[in-house]
Amino acid sequence: MVHQWTLSRRIEDTQCAEVPHGLIPAQRKRRWHRADFLAGQVVWILLKNDDQLGADERTLLKVLTEKCAPVRQIRSLALEFRRLFTQGNAESLHRWLEQAASCGLPDIQTLAASLARERGALLAAMTLPWSNGPTEGTVNKIKLIKRQMYGRGSFETLRQRVLFAS
């Protein structure tokens, strides 16, 4: 909690100089603060298509790509990987894995090597119509109920709550 609070108080270095306080807010050039976005939000911005981005997200993406050159490459690889799954295009998977392995970014290369080891499961997830999503949802619901009643009842009580929740 303290770490998150201190991070939100630090000001990101930006290209603009300090703005005089006499200007009205519309005339001030906005400075980016860490509190303006979280890492998870940046990930979702990188995964969204251009037409899905809002004005603030486009501005943030532009600043990120200007300040950090690999962001553009990471974004293109991420969007291509999403497209492979949405289209179920198993033929392009091998090409994507080779492209990711040779991109020069260590984290992406590690991801590509891990995905190459699990190629069979990846192909099955892309091409087969079945999903374990409903099973995972049920397990998640049971765990939520269990955590809510931690130390307050027996297994029989948990069983009854799960059955009544269905």
N, C-alpha and C. Protein backbone atom coordinates (compact mmCIF):
# COMPACT_ATOMS: atom_id res chain seq x y z
N MET A 1 0.82 -1.19 0.00
CA MET A 1 0.00 0.00 0.00
C MET A 1 0.87 1.26 0.00
N VAL A 2 1.88 1.25 0.85
CA VAL A 2 2.79 2.40 0.93
C VAL A 2 3.55 2.56 -0.38
N HIS A 3 3.99 1.44 -0.94
CA HIS A 3 4.73 1.49 -2.21
C HIS A 3 3.86 2.10 -3.30
N GLN A 4 2.60 1.68 -3.38
CA GLN A 4 1.69 2.22 -4.40
C GLN A 4 1.47 3.71 -4.17
N TRP A 5 1.34 4.13 -2.92
CA TRP A 5 1.13 5.53 -2.61
C TRP A 5 2.34 6.36 -3.02
N THR A 6 3.55 5.87 -2.70
CA THR A 6 4.75 6.64 -3.05
C THR A 6 4.94 6.71 -4.57
N LEU A 7 4.61 5.62 -5.26
CA LEU A 7 4.71 5.65 -6.73
C LEU A 7 3.76 6.67 -7.33
N SER A 8 2.57 6.78 -6.74
CA SER A 8 1.59 7.71 -7.30
C SER A 8 1.98 9.15 -7.07
N ARG A 9 2.89 9.42 -6.15
CA ARG A 9 3.32 10.78 -5.85
C ARG A 9 4.50 11.24 -6.70
N ARG A 10 5.19 10.33 -7.34
CA ARG A 10 6.33 10.70 -8.17
C ARG A 10 5.86 11.24 -9.51
N ILE A 11 6.53 12.22 -9.98
CA ILE A 11 6.17 12.82 -11.27
C ILE A 11 7.04 12.22 -12.34
N GLU A 12 6.41 11.76 -13.40
CA GLU A 12 7.14 11.22 -14.54
C GLU A 12 7.85 12.35 -15.27
N ASP A 13 9.05 12.09 -15.75
CA ASP A 13 9.76 13.07 -16.56
C ASP A 13 9.03 13.21 -17.88
N THR A 14 8.81 14.43 -18.27
CA THR A 14 8.13 14.68 -19.55
C THR A 14 8.91 15.69 -20.35
N GLN A 15 8.45 15.89 -21.57
CA GLN A 15 9.15 16.79 -22.45
C GLN A 15 8.83 18.25 -22.16
N CYS A 16 7.79 18.54 -21.39
CA CYS A 16 7.43 19.93 -21.17
C CYS A 16 8.08 20.48 -19.91
N ALA A 17 8.35 21.77 -19.93
CA ALA A 17 8.95 22.43 -18.77
C ALA A 17 7.85 22.80 -17.77
N GLU A 18 8.25 23.32 -16.65
CA GLU A 18 7.28 23.73 -15.63
C GLU A 18 6.39 24.83 -16.20
N VAL A 19 5.11 24.72 -15.95
CA VAL A 19 4.13 25.64 -16.51
C VAL A 19 3.81 26.72 -15.49
N PRO A 20 3.74 27.98 -15.88
CA PRO A 20 3.38 29.04 -14.93
C PRO A 20 1.99 28.80 -14.35
N HIS A 21 1.83 29.11 -13.08
CA HIS A 21 0.55 28.84 -12.41
C HIS A 21 -0.51 29.88 -12.73
N GLY A 22 -0.14 30.99 -13.37
CA GLY A 22 -1.10 32.03 -13.68
C GLY A 22 -2.02 31.68 -14.84
N LEU A 23 -1.70 30.66 -15.59
CA LEU A 23 -2.51 30.30 -16.74
C LEU A 23 -3.76 29.56 -16.30
N ILE A 24 -4.81 29.70 -17.07
CA ILE A 24 -6.01 28.94 -16.77
C ILE A 24 -5.75 27.48 -17.12
N PRO A 25 -6.46 26.52 -16.50
CA PRO A 25 -6.17 25.09 -16.71
C PRO A 25 -6.14 24.67 -18.17
N ALA A 26 -6.96 25.24 -19.02
CA ALA A 26 -6.99 24.83 -20.43
C ALA A 26 -5.70 25.21 -21.14
N GLN A 27 -5.01 26.26 -20.65
CA GLN A 27 -3.79 26.70 -21.30
C GLN A 27 -2.56 25.96 -20.79
N ARG A 28 -2.68 25.31 -19.65
CA ARG A 28 -1.55 24.57 -19.10
C ARG A 28 -1.31 23.31 -19.91
N LYS A 29 -0.07 23.00 -20.13
CA LYS A 29 0.28 21.76 -20.81
C LYS A 29 0.25 20.65 -19.77
N ARG A 30 -0.48 19.61 -20.04
CA ARG A 30 -0.65 18.54 -19.06
C ARG A 30 0.64 17.78 -18.86
N ARG A 31 0.95 17.49 -17.60
CA ARG A 31 2.11 16.66 -17.27
C ARG A 31 1.60 15.31 -16.82
N TRP A 32 2.31 14.28 -17.20
CA TRP A 32 1.92 12.93 -16.83
C TRP A 32 2.43 12.62 -15.43
N HIS A 33 1.56 12.08 -14.62
CA HIS A 33 1.91 11.62 -13.29
C HIS A 33 1.71 10.11 -13.27
N ARG A 34 2.44 9.43 -12.40
CA ARG A 34 2.23 7.98 -12.28
C ARG A 34 0.83 7.67 -11.81
N ALA A 35 0.24 8.56 -11.07
CA ALA A 35 -1.12 8.33 -10.58
C ALA A 35 -2.14 8.36 -11.71
N ASP A 36 -1.75 8.89 -12.88
CA ASP A 36 -2.68 8.98 -14.01
C ASP A 36 -2.98 7.61 -14.62
N PHE A 37 -2.07 6.66 -14.44
CA PHE A 37 -2.28 5.35 -15.03
C PHE A 37 -1.55 4.30 -14.22
N LEU A 38 -2.02 3.08 -14.32
CA LEU A 38 -1.39 1.95 -13.67
C LEU A 38 -0.83 1.03 -14.75
N ALA A 39 0.06 0.14 -14.35
CA ALA A 39 0.68 -0.76 -15.33
C ALA A 39 -0.38 -1.59 -16.05
N GLY A 40 -1.39 -2.06 -15.34
CA GLY A 40 -2.45 -2.85 -15.96
C GLY A 40 -3.21 -2.06 -17.02
N GLN A 41 -3.40 -0.76 -16.76
CA GLN A 41 -4.08 0.08 -17.75
C GLN A 41 -3.23 0.24 -19.00
N VAL A 42 -1.93 0.37 -18.82
CA VAL A 42 -1.03 0.49 -19.97
C VAL A 42 -1.08 -0.78 -20.80
N VAL A 43 -1.11 -1.93 -20.13
CA VAL A 43 -1.19 -3.20 -20.86
C VAL A 43 -2.45 -3.24 -21.70
N TRP A 44 -3.59 -2.83 -21.15
CA TRP A 44 -4.83 -2.86 -21.92
C TRP A 44 -4.79 -1.86 -23.07
N ILE A 45 -4.12 -0.73 -22.87
CA ILE A 45 -3.99 0.23 -23.97
C ILE A 45 -3.16 -0.39 -25.10
N LEU A 46 -2.11 -1.12 -24.74
CA LEU A 46 -1.29 -1.76 -25.76
C LEU A 46 -2.05 -2.85 -26.50
N LEU A 47 -3.04 -3.47 -25.85
CA LEU A 47 -3.78 -4.56 -26.47
C LEU A 47 -5.00 -4.10 -27.26
N LYS A 48 -5.41 -2.85 -27.09
CA LYS A 48 -6.58 -2.35 -27.81
C LYS A 48 -6.22 -1.96 -29.23
N ASN A 49 -7.18 -2.14 -30.13
CA ASN A 49 -7.01 -1.65 -31.51
C ASN A 49 -7.11 -0.13 -31.51
N ASP A 50 -6.58 0.50 -32.54
CA ASP A 50 -6.58 1.96 -32.62
C ASP A 50 -7.98 2.56 -32.55
N ASP A 51 -8.95 1.91 -33.17
CA ASP A 51 -10.31 2.45 -33.18
C ASP A 51 -11.00 2.32 -31.82
N GLN A 52 -10.46 1.53 -30.90
CA GLN A 52 -11.05 1.35 -29.57
C GLN A 52 -10.46 2.31 -28.54
N LEU A 53 -9.40 3.02 -28.90
CA LEU A 53 -8.72 3.91 -27.96
C LEU A 53 -9.45 5.24 -27.83
N GLY A 54 -9.53 5.74 -26.60
CA GLY A 54 -10.06 7.06 -26.35
C GLY A 54 -8.98 8.11 -26.61
N ALA A 55 -9.34 9.37 -26.49
CA ALA A 55 -8.39 10.45 -26.76
C ALA A 55 -7.23 10.42 -25.77
N ASP A 56 -7.52 10.25 -24.47
CA ASP A 56 -6.46 10.20 -23.47
C ASP A 56 -5.56 8.99 -23.69
N GLU A 57 -6.16 7.87 -24.04
CA GLU A 57 -5.37 6.66 -24.28
C GLU A 57 -4.46 6.83 -25.50
N ARG A 58 -4.97 7.48 -26.53
CA ARG A 58 -4.13 7.73 -27.72
C ARG A 58 -2.94 8.62 -27.36
N THR A 59 -3.21 9.64 -26.55
CA THR A 59 -2.14 10.54 -26.14
C THR A 59 -1.10 9.79 -25.33
N LEU A 60 -1.55 8.98 -24.38
CA LEU A 60 -0.62 8.21 -23.56
C LEU A 60 0.18 7.23 -24.42
N LEU A 61 -0.47 6.57 -25.35
CA LEU A 61 0.23 5.64 -26.24
C LEU A 61 1.27 6.37 -27.08
N LYS A 62 0.93 7.56 -27.56
CA LYS A 62 1.87 8.35 -28.34
C LYS A 62 3.10 8.71 -27.50
N VAL A 63 2.88 9.15 -26.27
CA VAL A 63 3.99 9.50 -25.38
C VAL A 63 4.84 8.27 -25.09
N LEU A 64 4.19 7.15 -24.84
CA LEU A 64 4.93 5.92 -24.55
C LEU A 64 5.79 5.48 -25.73
N THR A 65 5.23 5.55 -26.92
CA THR A 65 6.01 5.12 -28.09
C THR A 65 7.14 6.09 -28.41
N GLU A 66 6.95 7.37 -28.09
CA GLU A 66 8.03 8.34 -28.30
C GLU A 66 9.15 8.15 -27.31
N LYS A 67 8.81 7.88 -26.05
CA LYS A 67 9.82 7.78 -24.99
C LYS A 67 10.48 6.41 -24.92
N CYS A 68 9.77 5.38 -25.37
CA CYS A 68 10.29 4.01 -25.26
C CYS A 68 10.08 3.31 -26.61
N ALA A 69 11.14 3.21 -27.38
CA ALA A 69 11.05 2.67 -28.74
C ALA A 69 10.49 1.24 -28.80
N PRO A 70 10.83 0.33 -27.89
CA PRO A 70 10.31 -1.04 -28.00
C PRO A 70 8.79 -1.16 -27.81
N VAL A 71 8.14 -0.13 -27.28
CA VAL A 71 6.70 -0.22 -27.04
C VAL A 71 5.95 -0.44 -28.35
N ARG A 72 6.36 0.22 -29.41
CA ARG A 72 5.69 0.04 -30.71
C ARG A 72 5.81 -1.41 -31.19
N GLN A 73 7.01 -1.98 -31.03
CA GLN A 73 7.24 -3.37 -31.45
C GLN A 73 6.44 -4.34 -30.58
N ILE A 74 6.41 -4.09 -29.28
CA ILE A 74 5.64 -4.94 -28.37
C ILE A 74 4.16 -4.87 -28.71
N ARG A 75 3.68 -3.67 -28.99
CA ARG A 75 2.26 -3.51 -29.31
C ARG A 75 1.90 -4.24 -30.60
N SER A 76 2.74 -4.13 -31.61
CA SER A 76 2.41 -4.82 -32.87
C SER A 76 2.41 -6.34 -32.67
N LEU A 77 3.34 -6.86 -31.89
CA LEU A 77 3.36 -8.31 -31.61
C LEU A 77 2.13 -8.72 -30.81
N ALA A 78 1.74 -7.91 -29.83
CA ALA A 78 0.58 -8.24 -29.01
C ALA A 78 -0.70 -8.22 -29.83
N LEU A 79 -0.86 -7.21 -30.68
CA LEU A 79 -2.06 -7.14 -31.52
C LEU A 79 -2.12 -8.29 -32.51
N GLU A 80 -0.97 -8.67 -33.05
CA GLU A 80 -0.92 -9.80 -33.98
C GLU A 80 -1.29 -11.10 -33.26
N PHE A 81 -0.81 -11.26 -32.02
CA PHE A 81 -1.13 -12.47 -31.26
C PHE A 81 -2.63 -12.53 -30.96
N ARG A 82 -3.23 -11.39 -30.60
CA ARG A 82 -4.68 -11.34 -30.39
C ARG A 82 -5.43 -11.71 -31.65
N ARG A 83 -4.96 -11.19 -32.78
CA ARG A 83 -5.62 -11.48 -34.06
C ARG A 83 -5.56 -12.97 -34.38
N LEU A 84 -4.44 -13.61 -34.06
CA LEU A 84 -4.32 -15.05 -34.29
C LEU A 84 -5.41 -15.81 -33.55
N PHE A 85 -5.67 -15.41 -32.32
CA PHE A 85 -6.69 -16.10 -31.53
C PHE A 85 -8.09 -15.78 -31.97
N THR A 86 -8.37 -14.53 -32.28
CA THR A 86 -9.73 -14.17 -32.68
C THR A 86 -10.10 -14.79 -34.02
N GLN A 87 -9.12 -14.95 -34.91
CA GLN A 87 -9.39 -15.55 -36.21
C GLN A 87 -9.16 -17.06 -36.21
N GLY A 88 -8.56 -17.58 -35.14
CA GLY A 88 -8.27 -19.01 -35.09
C GLY A 88 -7.26 -19.43 -36.14
N ASN A 89 -6.32 -18.56 -36.44
CA ASN A 89 -5.36 -18.77 -37.52
C ASN A 89 -4.13 -19.52 -37.01
N ALA A 90 -4.18 -20.85 -37.05
CA ALA A 90 -3.09 -21.67 -36.53
C ALA A 90 -1.88 -21.66 -37.47
N GLU A 91 -2.08 -21.39 -38.75
CA GLU A 91 -0.97 -21.40 -39.71
C GLU A 91 0.01 -20.26 -39.45
N SER A 92 -0.49 -19.15 -38.99
CA SER A 92 0.37 -17.99 -38.75
C SER A 92 1.08 -18.06 -37.41
N LEU A 93 0.74 -19.03 -36.57
CA LEU A 93 1.35 -19.13 -35.25
C LEU A 93 2.85 -19.35 -35.35
N HIS A 94 3.28 -20.24 -36.23
CA HIS A 94 4.71 -20.53 -36.38
C HIS A 94 5.47 -19.27 -36.79
N ARG A 95 4.92 -18.50 -37.73
CA ARG A 95 5.55 -17.25 -38.17
C ARG A 95 5.63 -16.24 -37.03
N TRP A 96 4.54 -16.14 -36.22
CA TRP A 96 4.54 -15.22 -35.09
C TRP A 96 5.59 -15.61 -34.06
N LEU A 97 5.70 -16.91 -33.77
CA LEU A 97 6.68 -17.37 -32.79
C LEU A 97 8.10 -17.06 -33.26
N GLU A 98 8.38 -17.24 -34.55
CA GLU A 98 9.71 -16.90 -35.07
C GLU A 98 9.97 -15.40 -34.99
N GLN A 99 8.98 -14.62 -35.31
CA GLN A 99 9.11 -13.16 -35.25
C GLN A 99 9.35 -12.69 -33.82
N ALA A 100 8.61 -13.26 -32.86
CA ALA A 100 8.78 -12.89 -31.46
C ALA A 100 10.13 -13.34 -30.92
N ALA A 101 10.60 -14.51 -31.35
CA ALA A 101 11.89 -15.03 -30.88
C ALA A 101 13.06 -14.21 -31.40
N SER A 102 12.88 -13.54 -32.53
CA SER A 102 13.97 -12.77 -33.11
C SER A 102 13.80 -11.26 -32.94
N CYS A 103 12.90 -10.83 -32.05
CA CYS A 103 12.61 -9.40 -31.93
C CYS A 103 13.68 -8.62 -31.18
N GLY A 104 14.51 -9.30 -30.39
CA GLY A 104 15.57 -8.60 -29.66
C GLY A 104 15.16 -8.12 -28.28
N LEU A 105 13.93 -8.39 -27.86
CA LEU A 105 13.46 -8.02 -26.53
C LEU A 105 13.45 -9.27 -25.65
N PRO A 106 14.26 -9.32 -24.59
CA PRO A 106 14.42 -10.55 -23.81
C PRO A 106 13.10 -11.11 -23.25
N ASP A 107 12.22 -10.25 -22.76
CA ASP A 107 10.96 -10.75 -22.19
C ASP A 107 10.08 -11.39 -23.26
N ILE A 108 10.02 -10.79 -24.42
CA ILE A 108 9.22 -11.34 -25.51
C ILE A 108 9.84 -12.63 -26.03
N GLN A 109 11.16 -12.68 -26.08
CA GLN A 109 11.85 -13.91 -26.51
C GLN A 109 11.58 -15.05 -25.53
N THR A 110 11.56 -14.76 -24.24
CA THR A 110 11.24 -15.78 -23.24
C THR A 110 9.80 -16.26 -23.40
N LEU A 111 8.89 -15.31 -23.64
CA LEU A 111 7.49 -15.67 -23.87
C LEU A 111 7.36 -16.57 -25.10
N ALA A 112 8.06 -16.22 -26.18
CA ALA A 112 7.99 -17.01 -27.40
C ALA A 112 8.53 -18.42 -27.17
N ALA A 113 9.62 -18.54 -26.42
CA ALA A 113 10.18 -19.87 -26.14
C ALA A 113 9.20 -20.69 -25.30
N SER A 114 8.55 -20.06 -24.33
CA SER A 114 7.56 -20.78 -23.50
C SER A 114 6.37 -21.22 -24.33
N LEU A 115 5.90 -20.35 -25.20
CA LEU A 115 4.75 -20.70 -26.04
C LEU A 115 5.12 -21.79 -27.05
N ALA A 116 6.36 -21.78 -27.53
CA ALA A 116 6.79 -22.81 -28.47
C ALA A 116 6.80 -24.18 -27.79
N ARG A 117 7.18 -24.22 -26.51
CA ARG A 117 7.16 -25.49 -25.77
C ARG A 117 5.74 -26.00 -25.59
N GLU A 118 4.79 -25.09 -25.50
CA GLU A 118 3.38 -25.46 -25.29
C GLU A 118 2.57 -25.32 -26.58
N ARG A 119 3.21 -25.54 -27.70
CA ARG A 119 2.57 -25.34 -29.00
C ARG A 119 1.28 -26.16 -29.15
N GLY A 120 1.29 -27.41 -28.70
CA GLY A 120 0.10 -28.26 -28.83
C GLY A 120 -1.10 -27.68 -28.10
N ALA A 121 -0.90 -27.25 -26.86
CA ALA A 121 -2.00 -26.66 -26.10
C ALA A 121 -2.45 -25.34 -26.73
N LEU A 122 -1.51 -24.57 -27.24
CA LEU A 122 -1.83 -23.30 -27.88
C LEU A 122 -2.65 -23.52 -29.15
N LEU A 123 -2.26 -24.49 -29.95
CA LEU A 123 -3.02 -24.80 -31.16
C LEU A 123 -4.42 -25.30 -30.82
N ALA A 124 -4.52 -26.12 -29.78
CA ALA A 124 -5.83 -26.60 -29.36
C ALA A 124 -6.72 -25.45 -28.91
N ALA A 125 -6.15 -24.51 -28.15
CA ALA A 125 -6.93 -23.36 -27.69
C ALA A 125 -7.38 -22.49 -28.85
N MET A 126 -6.56 -22.42 -29.90
CA MET A 126 -6.90 -21.58 -31.03
C MET A 126 -7.93 -22.21 -31.97
N THR A 127 -7.88 -23.52 -32.11
CA THR A 127 -8.68 -24.15 -33.17
C THR A 127 -9.89 -24.93 -32.67
N LEU A 128 -9.84 -25.48 -31.46
CA LEU A 128 -10.95 -26.30 -30.98
C LEU A 128 -12.07 -25.44 -30.40
N PRO A 129 -13.31 -25.89 -30.51
CA PRO A 129 -14.44 -25.07 -30.03
C PRO A 129 -14.65 -25.14 -28.52
N TRP A 130 -13.96 -26.02 -27.83
CA TRP A 130 -14.21 -26.20 -26.41
C TRP A 130 -13.41 -25.22 -25.57
N SER A 131 -13.96 -24.93 -24.39
CA SER A 131 -13.30 -24.02 -23.46
C SER A 131 -13.52 -24.51 -22.04
N ASN A 132 -12.56 -24.26 -21.17
CA ASN A 132 -12.75 -24.62 -19.77
C ASN A 132 -13.20 -23.40 -18.96
N GLY A 133 -13.65 -22.36 -19.64
CA GLY A 133 -14.13 -21.14 -18.98
C GLY A 133 -15.25 -21.38 -17.99
N PRO A 134 -16.31 -22.14 -18.35
CA PRO A 134 -17.38 -22.39 -17.38
C PRO A 134 -16.89 -23.12 -16.13
N THR A 135 -15.98 -24.07 -16.31
CA THR A 135 -15.43 -24.79 -15.16
C THR A 135 -14.65 -23.84 -14.27
N GLU A 136 -13.80 -23.00 -14.87
CA GLU A 136 -13.01 -22.04 -14.09
C GLU A 136 -13.92 -21.06 -13.36
N GLY A 137 -15.02 -20.65 -13.99
CA GLY A 137 -15.96 -19.75 -13.34
C GLY A 137 -16.61 -20.38 -12.12
N THR A 138 -16.98 -21.66 -12.23
CA THR A 138 -17.58 -22.35 -11.09
C THR A 138 -16.58 -22.49 -9.95
N VAL A 139 -15.35 -22.86 -10.26
CA VAL A 139 -14.31 -22.98 -9.23
C VAL A 139 -14.08 -21.64 -8.56
N ASN A 140 -14.06 -20.56 -9.34
CA ASN A 140 -13.87 -19.23 -8.78
C ASN A 140 -15.00 -18.87 -7.83
N LYS A 141 -16.24 -19.20 -8.20
CA LYS A 141 -17.40 -18.90 -7.35
C LYS A 141 -17.32 -19.68 -6.04
N ILE A 142 -16.92 -20.95 -6.09
CA ILE A 142 -16.80 -21.76 -4.88
C ILE A 142 -15.71 -21.18 -3.96
N LYS A 143 -14.59 -20.79 -4.54
CA LYS A 143 -13.51 -20.22 -3.73
C LYS A 143 -13.94 -18.90 -3.09
N LEU A 144 -14.72 -18.11 -3.81
CA LEU A 144 -15.21 -16.85 -3.26
C LEU A 144 -16.11 -17.11 -2.05
N ILE A 145 -17.01 -18.05 -2.18
CA ILE A 145 -17.91 -18.39 -1.07
C ILE A 145 -17.10 -18.92 0.11
N LYS A 146 -16.11 -19.76 -0.17
CA LYS A 146 -15.26 -20.31 0.90
C LYS A 146 -14.52 -19.20 1.64
N ARG A 147 -14.00 -18.22 0.91
CA ARG A 147 -13.27 -17.13 1.56
C ARG A 147 -14.20 -16.24 2.36
N GLN A 148 -15.42 -16.07 1.89
CA GLN A 148 -16.37 -15.23 2.62
C GLN A 148 -16.73 -15.82 3.98
N MET A 149 -16.74 -17.14 4.07
CA MET A 149 -17.14 -17.76 5.33
C MET A 149 -15.97 -18.41 6.06
N TYR A 150 -14.75 -17.92 5.80
CA TYR A 150 -13.55 -18.48 6.43
C TYR A 150 -13.69 -18.47 7.94
N GLY A 151 -13.57 -19.65 8.55
CA GLY A 151 -13.62 -19.78 10.00
C GLY A 151 -15.01 -19.67 10.60
N ARG A 152 -16.04 -19.62 9.78
CA ARG A 152 -17.39 -19.41 10.30
C ARG A 152 -18.30 -20.62 10.18
N GLY A 153 -17.80 -21.70 9.63
CA GLY A 153 -18.69 -22.84 9.49
C GLY A 153 -17.94 -24.08 9.05
N SER A 154 -18.67 -25.15 8.95
CA SER A 154 -18.08 -26.44 8.59
C SER A 154 -18.18 -26.65 7.08
N PHE A 155 -17.66 -27.78 6.65
CA PHE A 155 -17.73 -28.13 5.24
C PHE A 155 -19.19 -28.27 4.80
N GLU A 156 -20.03 -28.78 5.68
CA GLU A 156 -21.44 -28.96 5.34
C GLU A 156 -22.11 -27.61 5.08
N THR A 157 -21.75 -26.59 5.87
CA THR A 157 -22.29 -25.25 5.64
C THR A 157 -21.82 -24.70 4.30
N LEU A 158 -20.55 -24.90 4.00
CA LEU A 158 -20.02 -24.48 2.70
C LEU A 158 -20.76 -25.18 1.57
N ARG A 159 -20.98 -26.47 1.72
CA ARG A 159 -21.69 -27.25 0.70
C ARG A 159 -23.09 -26.68 0.46
N GLN A 160 -23.80 -26.38 1.55
CA GLN A 160 -25.16 -25.83 1.43
C GLN A 160 -25.14 -24.47 0.73
N ARG A 161 -24.18 -23.62 1.08
CA ARG A 161 -24.09 -22.28 0.45
C ARG A 161 -23.80 -22.42 -1.04
N VAL A 162 -22.91 -23.33 -1.41
CA VAL A 162 -22.58 -23.52 -2.82
C VAL A 162 -23.80 -24.02 -3.58
N LEU A 163 -24.51 -24.98 -2.99
CA LEU A 163 -25.68 -25.52 -3.65
C LEU A 163 -26.79 -24.47 -3.79
N PHE A 164 -26.97 -23.63 -2.77
CA PHE A 164 -28.00 -22.61 -2.86
C PHE A 164 -27.60 -21.47 -3.81
N ALA A 165 -26.31 -21.27 -3.99
CA ALA A 165 -25.85 -20.22 -4.90
C ALA A 165 -26.06 -20.62 -6.35
N SER A 166 -26.20 -21.90 -6.63
CA SER A 166 -26.34 -22.38 -8.01
C SER A 166 -27.69 -22.08 -8.59
